[in-house]
C-alpha atoms as a PDB file:
ATOM      1  CA  MET A   1     209.740 174.642 178.938  1.00  0.00           C
ATOM      2  CA  ARG A   2     213.195 176.635 178.238  1.00  0.00           C
ATOM      3  CA  ASN A   3     213.343 174.498 174.808  1.00  0.00           C
ATOM      4  CA  ILE A   4     209.328 175.236 174.021  1.00  0.00           C
ATOM      5  CA  LEU A   5     210.285 179.208 174.624  1.00  0.00           C
ATOM      6  CA  LYS A   6     213.111 178.675 172.537  1.00  0.00           C
ATOM      7  CA  LEU A   7     211.522 177.183 169.578  1.00  0.00           C
ATOM      8  CA  SER A   8     208.623 179.335 170.048  1.00  0.00           C
ATOM      9  CA  ALA A   9     210.828 182.347 169.420  1.00  0.00           C
ATOM     10  CA  VAL A  10     212.451 181.144 166.524  1.00  0.00           C
ATOM     11  CA  LEU A  11     209.024 180.549 165.296  1.00  0.00           C
ATOM     12  CA  LEU A  12     207.999 184.070 165.743  1.00  0.00           C
ATOM     13  CA  THR A  13     210.934 185.139 163.630  1.00  0.00           C
ATOM     14  CA  ILE A  14     210.295 183.021 160.725  1.00  0.00           C
ATOM     15  CA  ALA A  15     206.913 183.961 160.945  1.00  0.00           C
ATOM     16  CA  THR A  16     207.594 187.651 161.484  1.00  0.00           C
ATOM     17  CA  ILE A  17     210.080 187.679 158.521  1.00  0.00           C
ATOM     18  CA  SER A  18     207.886 185.706 156.287  1.00  0.00           C
ATOM     19  CA  GLY A  19     204.818 188.211 156.530  1.00  0.00           C
ATOM     20  CA  THR A  20     207.061 191.153 156.082  1.00  0.00           C
ATOM     21  CA  ILE A  21     208.436 189.661 152.447  1.00  0.00           C
ATOM     22  CA  LEU A  22     205.259 188.741 151.888  1.00  0.00           C
ATOM     23  CA  GLY A  23     203.559 192.214 152.778  1.00  0.00           C
ATOM     24  CA  ILE A  24     206.478 193.921 150.663  1.00  0.00           C
ATOM     25  CA  SER A  25     205.838 191.562 147.491  1.00  0.00           C
ATOM     26  CA  TYR A  26     202.207 192.266 147.583  1.00  0.00           C
ATOM     27  CA  THR A  27     202.817 196.125 147.763  1.00  0.00           C
ATOM     28  CA  VAL A  28     205.335 196.003 144.733  1.00  0.00           C
ATOM     29  CA  THR A  29     203.315 193.848 142.300  1.00  0.00           C
ATOM     30  CA  LYS A  30     200.056 195.300 143.144  1.00  0.00           C
ATOM     31  CA  GLU A  31     199.993 198.176 140.816  1.00  0.00           C
ATOM     32  CA  PRO A  32     201.289 196.182 138.024  1.00  0.00           C
ATOM     33  CA  ILE A  33     198.667 193.655 138.134  1.00  0.00           C
ATOM     34  CA  VAL A  34     196.193 196.501 138.169  1.00  0.00           C
ATOM     35  CA  LYS A  35     197.908 198.088 134.929  1.00  0.00           C
ATOM     36  CA  GLN A  36     197.863 194.616 133.532  1.00  0.00           C
ATOM     37  CA  VAL A  37     194.270 194.132 134.127  1.00  0.00           C
ATOM     38  CA  LYS A  38     193.692 197.552 132.912  1.00  0.00           C
ATOM     39  CA  LEU A  39     195.489 196.811 129.722  1.00  0.00           C
ATOM     40  CA  GLU A  40     193.485 193.539 129.160  1.00  0.00           C
ATOM     41  CA  GLU A  41     190.137 195.170 129.549  1.00  0.00           C
ATOM     42  CA  GLU A  42     191.022 197.969 126.839  1.00  0.00           C
ATOM     43  CA  LYS A  43     192.680 195.141 124.417  1.00  0.00           C
ATOM     44  CA  ALA A  44     189.612 193.273 124.932  1.00  0.00           C
ATOM     45  CA  LEU A  45     186.913 196.531 124.361  1.00  0.00           C
ATOM     46  CA  LYS A  46     189.103 197.474 121.275  1.00  0.00           C
ATOM     47  CA  THR A  47     188.984 193.871 119.738  1.00  0.00           C
ATOM     48  CA  ILE A  48     184.967 193.872 119.641  1.00  0.00           C
ATOM     49  CA  PHE A  49     184.998 197.795 119.043  1.00  0.00           C
ATOM     50  CA  PRO A  50     187.680 198.207 116.803  1.00  0.00           C
ATOM     51  CA  GLU A  51     185.847 201.543 115.257  1.00  0.00           C
ATOM     52  CA  ALA A  52     185.389 203.030 119.095  1.00  0.00           C
ATOM     53  CA  THR A  53     187.558 206.407 119.905  1.00  0.00           C
ATOM     54  CA  SER A  54     186.209 206.084 123.333  1.00  0.00           C
ATOM     55  CA  PHE A  55     184.646 204.062 126.152  1.00  0.00           C
ATOM     56  CA  ASN A  56     182.516 205.629 128.982  1.00  0.00           C
ATOM     57  CA  LEU A  57     182.486 203.733 132.287  1.00  0.00           C
ATOM     58  CA  THR A  58     179.031 204.149 133.455  1.00  0.00           C
ATOM     59  CA  THR A  59     177.062 202.876 136.376  1.00  0.00           C
ATOM     60  CA  GLY A  60     173.419 202.549 135.844  1.00  0.00           C
ATOM     61  CA  LYS A  61     170.552 201.788 138.287  1.00  0.00           C
ATOM     62  CA  ASP A  62     171.254 199.454 141.115  1.00  0.00           C
ATOM     63  CA  ASN A  63     175.120 200.214 140.808  1.00  0.00           C
ATOM     64  CA  TYR A  64     175.156 198.297 137.616  1.00  0.00           C
ATOM     65  CA  ILE A  65     178.280 198.976 135.437  1.00  0.00           C
ATOM     66  CA  TYR A  66     178.698 199.129 132.258  1.00  0.00           C
ATOM     67  CA  TYR A  67     180.611 200.917 129.430  1.00  0.00           C
ATOM     68  CA  GLU A  68     179.095 203.059 126.702  1.00  0.00           C
ATOM     69  CA  VAL A  69     181.100 202.954 123.675  1.00  0.00           C
ATOM     70  CA  TYR A  70     181.540 206.014 121.229  1.00  0.00           C
ATOM     71  CA  ALA A  71     183.228 206.496 117.547  1.00  0.00           C
ATOM     72  CA  LYS A  72     183.600 210.106 116.772  1.00  0.00           C
ATOM     73  CA  ASN A  73     181.517 210.909 120.166  1.00  0.00           C
ATOM     74  CA  LYS A  74     178.204 208.992 118.454  1.00  0.00           C
ATOM     75  CA  LEU A  75     177.063 206.326 120.533  1.00  0.00           C
ATOM     76  CA  ILE A  76     177.379 202.747 118.636  1.00  0.00           C
ATOM     77  CA  GLY A  77     176.966 200.229 121.196  1.00  0.00           C
ATOM     78  CA  TYR A  78     177.381 198.855 125.067  1.00  0.00           C
ATOM     79  CA  ALA A  79     180.095 196.739 126.579  1.00  0.00           C
ATOM     80  CA  LEU A  80     179.468 194.431 129.603  1.00  0.00           C
ATOM     81  CA  ASP A  81     181.314 192.199 132.067  1.00  0.00           C
ATOM     82  CA  ALA A  82     179.921 188.488 132.866  1.00  0.00           C
ATOM     83  CA  PHE A  83     180.867 185.792 134.562  1.00  0.00           C
ATOM     84  CA  GLY A  84     180.079 182.173 135.092  1.00  0.00           C
ATOM     85  CA  LYS A  85     181.255 179.040 137.168  1.00  0.00           C
ATOM     86  CA  GLY A  86     182.894 177.023 134.538  1.00  0.00           C
ATOM     87  CA  PHE A  87     184.095 173.364 135.251  1.00  0.00           C
ATOM     88  CA  SER A  88     187.486 174.616 137.151  1.00  0.00           C
ATOM     89  CA  SER A  89     187.327 178.376 137.237  1.00  0.00           C
ATOM     90  CA  ILE A  90     185.253 181.567 137.447  1.00  0.00           C
ATOM     91  CA  ILE A  91     185.369 183.098 133.378  1.00  0.00           C
ATOM     92  CA  ARG A  92     185.317 186.207 132.418  1.00  0.00           C
ATOM     93  CA  ILE A  93     183.383 187.509 129.406  1.00  0.00           C
ATOM     94  CA  LYS A  94     183.350 191.149 127.675  1.00  0.00           C
ATOM     95  CA  ILE A  95     180.101 191.239 125.547  1.00  0.00           C
ATOM     96  CA  GLY A  96     179.910 193.877 122.661  1.00  0.00           C
ATOM     97  CA  LEU A  97     176.176 194.839 122.436  1.00  0.00           C
ATOM     98  CA  ASN A  98     174.499 196.838 119.138  1.00  0.00           C
ATOM     99  CA  LEU A  99     172.486 199.850 119.749  1.00  0.00           C
ATOM    100  CA  ASP A 100     169.502 197.049 118.738  1.00  0.00           C
ATOM    101  CA  LYS A 101     170.796 195.031 121.808  1.00  0.00           C
ATOM    102  CA  GLY A 102     172.498 192.213 119.694  1.00  0.00           C
ATOM    103  CA  ILE A 103     175.714 190.705 120.273  1.00  0.00           C
ATOM    104  CA  LYS A 104     178.207 192.447 118.311  1.00  0.00           C
ATOM    105  CA  ASP A 105     181.066 189.913 119.709  1.00  0.00           C
ATOM    106  CA  ILE A 106     182.068 188.280 123.050  1.00  0.00           C
ATOM    107  CA  LYS A 107     185.995 188.284 124.030  1.00  0.00           C
ATOM    108  CA  ILE A 108     186.579 185.708 126.919  1.00  0.00           C
ATOM    109  CA  ILE A 109     189.082 187.630 129.362  1.00  0.00           C
ATOM    110  CA  LYS A 110     189.878 184.942 131.490  1.00  0.00           C
ATOM    111  CA  GLN A 111     189.283 181.410 132.405  1.00  0.00           C
ATOM    112  CA  GLY A 112     191.063 178.910 133.881  1.00  0.00           C
ATOM    113  CA  GLU A 113     189.429 175.440 132.385  1.00  0.00           C
ATOM    114  CA  THR A 114     191.034 172.298 131.476  1.00  0.00           C
ATOM    115  CA  PRO A 115     193.556 172.816 128.725  1.00  0.00           C
ATOM    116  CA  GLY A 116     192.636 171.076 125.335  1.00  0.00           C
ATOM    117  CA  LEU A 117     189.121 170.793 126.766  1.00  0.00           C
ATOM    118  CA  GLY A 118     187.616 173.899 128.397  1.00  0.00           C
ATOM    119  CA  ALA A 119     190.007 176.140 127.399  1.00  0.00           C
ATOM    120  CA  ARG A 120     188.566 175.804 124.059  1.00  0.00           C
ATOM    121  CA  ILE A 121     186.034 178.492 124.715  1.00  0.00           C
ATOM    122  CA  LYS A 122     188.704 181.103 124.145  1.00  0.00           C
ATOM    123  CA  ARG A 123     188.853 180.235 120.284  1.00  0.00           C
ATOM    124  CA  LYS A 124     187.067 182.401 117.556  1.00  0.00           C
ATOM    125  CA  LYS A 125     185.025 179.110 116.230  1.00  0.00           C
ATOM    126  CA  PHE A 126     183.425 178.884 119.782  1.00  0.00           C
ATOM    127  CA  THR A 127     182.945 182.905 120.557  1.00  0.00           C
ATOM    128  CA  ASP A 128     181.935 183.868 116.591  1.00  0.00           C
ATOM    129  CA  GLN A 129     178.935 181.424 117.870  1.00  0.00           C
ATOM    130  CA  PHE A 130     177.558 184.697 119.583  1.00  0.00           C
ATOM    131  CA  MET A 131     178.031 186.954 117.076  1.00  0.00           C
ATOM    132  CA  ASN A 132     174.696 188.957 115.888  1.00  0.00           C
ATOM    133  CA  LYS A 133     172.832 187.031 118.465  1.00  0.00           C
ATOM    134  CA  THR A 134     169.592 188.256 120.011  1.00  0.00           C
ATOM    135  CA  LEU A 135     169.139 187.517 124.039  1.00  0.00           C
ATOM    136  CA  LYS A 136     166.364 184.667 123.187  1.00  0.00           C
ATOM    137  CA  GLN A 137     169.120 182.959 120.636  1.00  0.00           C
ATOM    138  CA  ILE A 138     172.062 182.515 123.259  1.00  0.00           C
ATOM    139  CA  SER A 139     171.560 178.887 124.756  1.00  0.00           C
ATOM    140  CA  LEU A 140     173.011 175.550 123.883  1.00  0.00           C
ATOM    141  CA  LYS A 141     171.800 173.777 121.176  1.00  0.00           C
ATOM    142  CA  LYS A 142     171.551 170.455 123.445  1.00  0.00           C
ATOM    143  CA  ASP A 143     169.541 172.889 125.823  1.00  0.00           C
ATOM    144  CA  SER A 144     166.956 174.457 123.761  1.00  0.00           C
ATOM    145  CA  SER A 145     165.221 173.797 120.755  1.00  0.00           C
ATOM    146  CA  LYS A 146     165.523 177.320 120.156  1.00  0.00           C
ATOM    147  CA  GLY A 147     169.311 177.315 120.724  1.00  0.00           C
ATOM    148  CA  THR A 148     171.855 178.149 118.299  1.00  0.00           C
ATOM    149  CA  ILE A 149     175.371 177.911 120.051  1.00  0.00           C
ATOM    150  CA  ASP A 150     176.875 174.542 119.804  1.00  0.00           C
ATOM    151  CA  ALA A 151     178.883 172.910 123.172  1.00  0.00           C
ATOM    152  CA  LEU A 152     182.554 172.327 122.894  1.00  0.00           C
ATOM    153  CA  THR A 153     182.976 168.261 122.778  1.00  0.00           C
ATOM    154  CA  GLY A 154     184.123 167.555 126.050  1.00  0.00           C
ATOM    155  CA  ALA A 155     183.498 170.938 127.462  1.00  0.00           C
ATOM    156  CA  THR A 156     179.652 171.235 127.752  1.00  0.00           C
ATOM    157  CA  ILE A 157     179.951 172.777 131.275  1.00  0.00           C
ATOM    158  CA  SER A 158     182.255 175.358 129.950  1.00  0.00           C
ATOM    159  CA  SER A 159     179.974 175.950 127.029  1.00  0.00           C
ATOM    160  CA  ARG A 160     176.662 175.925 128.936  1.00  0.00           C
ATOM    161  CA  SER A 161     178.748 178.678 131.345  1.00  0.00           C
ATOM    162  CA  VAL A 162     179.718 180.735 128.964  1.00  0.00           C
ATOM    163  CA  SER A 163     176.003 180.892 127.368  1.00  0.00           C
ATOM    164  CA  GLU A 164     174.577 181.570 130.490  1.00  0.00           C
ATOM    165  CA  ALA A 165     176.872 184.030 131.867  1.00  0.00           C
ATOM    166  CA  VAL A 166     176.319 186.178 128.618  1.00  0.00           C
ATOM    167  CA  GLN A 167     172.744 185.777 128.981  1.00  0.00           C
ATOM    168  CA  LYS A 168     172.415 186.359 132.547  1.00  0.00           C
ATOM    169  CA  SER A 169     174.340 189.403 132.178  1.00  0.00           C
ATOM    170  CA  ILE A 170     172.524 190.709 128.692  1.00  0.00           C
ATOM    171  CA  THR A 171     169.396 190.665 130.975  1.00  0.00           C
ATOM    172  CA  GLU A 172     170.380 192.186 134.032  1.00  0.00           C
ATOM    173  CA  PHE A 173     171.350 194.971 131.481  1.00  0.00           C
ATOM    174  CA  LEU A 174     168.377 195.582 129.664  1.00  0.00           C
ATOM    175  CA  LYS A 175     166.307 195.397 133.236  1.00  0.00           C
ATOM    176  CA  ILE A 176     168.739 198.725 134.256  1.00  0.00           C
ATOM    177  CA  GLU A 177     168.299 200.345 131.091  1.00  0.00           C
ATOM    178  CA  ARG A 178     163.837 199.979 131.165  1.00  0.00           C
ATOM    179  CA  LYS A 179     164.172 201.347 134.939  1.00  0.00           C
ATOM    180  CA  GLN A 180     166.537 204.146 133.424  1.00  0.00           C
ATOM    181  CA  LYS A 181     163.601 205.319 131.161  1.00  0.00           C
END
């Protein structure tokens, strides 16, 4: 009995010290992580809209969040976030839309897909396929006769995830925009 109490006290001490160290680590790293995420977001927005002078975070109906993009106080487009379930991770995408709601560009912000296969979704050769496309054109060629996007060999799930996430995000944005008019 005495041995159990002794072991319990040691275990409690170790757990308390570990919890304290973990809490301190979280507190110390929280702010730098938030700053890094914000920097990545700004970098993606500037990559898609290099001519932009400001990005206005906007909350539409149903709490849908998007950016209105301005160049010298003139609205030039919109930036949306999209998320898709890839083969091995959640894929986070930034979408740039022109005023006519055509895709200006997309940028993969975060992914954890298989290196050498699904991770190739970040390459320009894949993402450039979305440029100047309309909502109806965004699907894989292998999924639809009207599809215009070539899936990456060995990474169909990742390719499809990006395509479907972009479709879903733009569809949602257009619904919200119609509700606001």
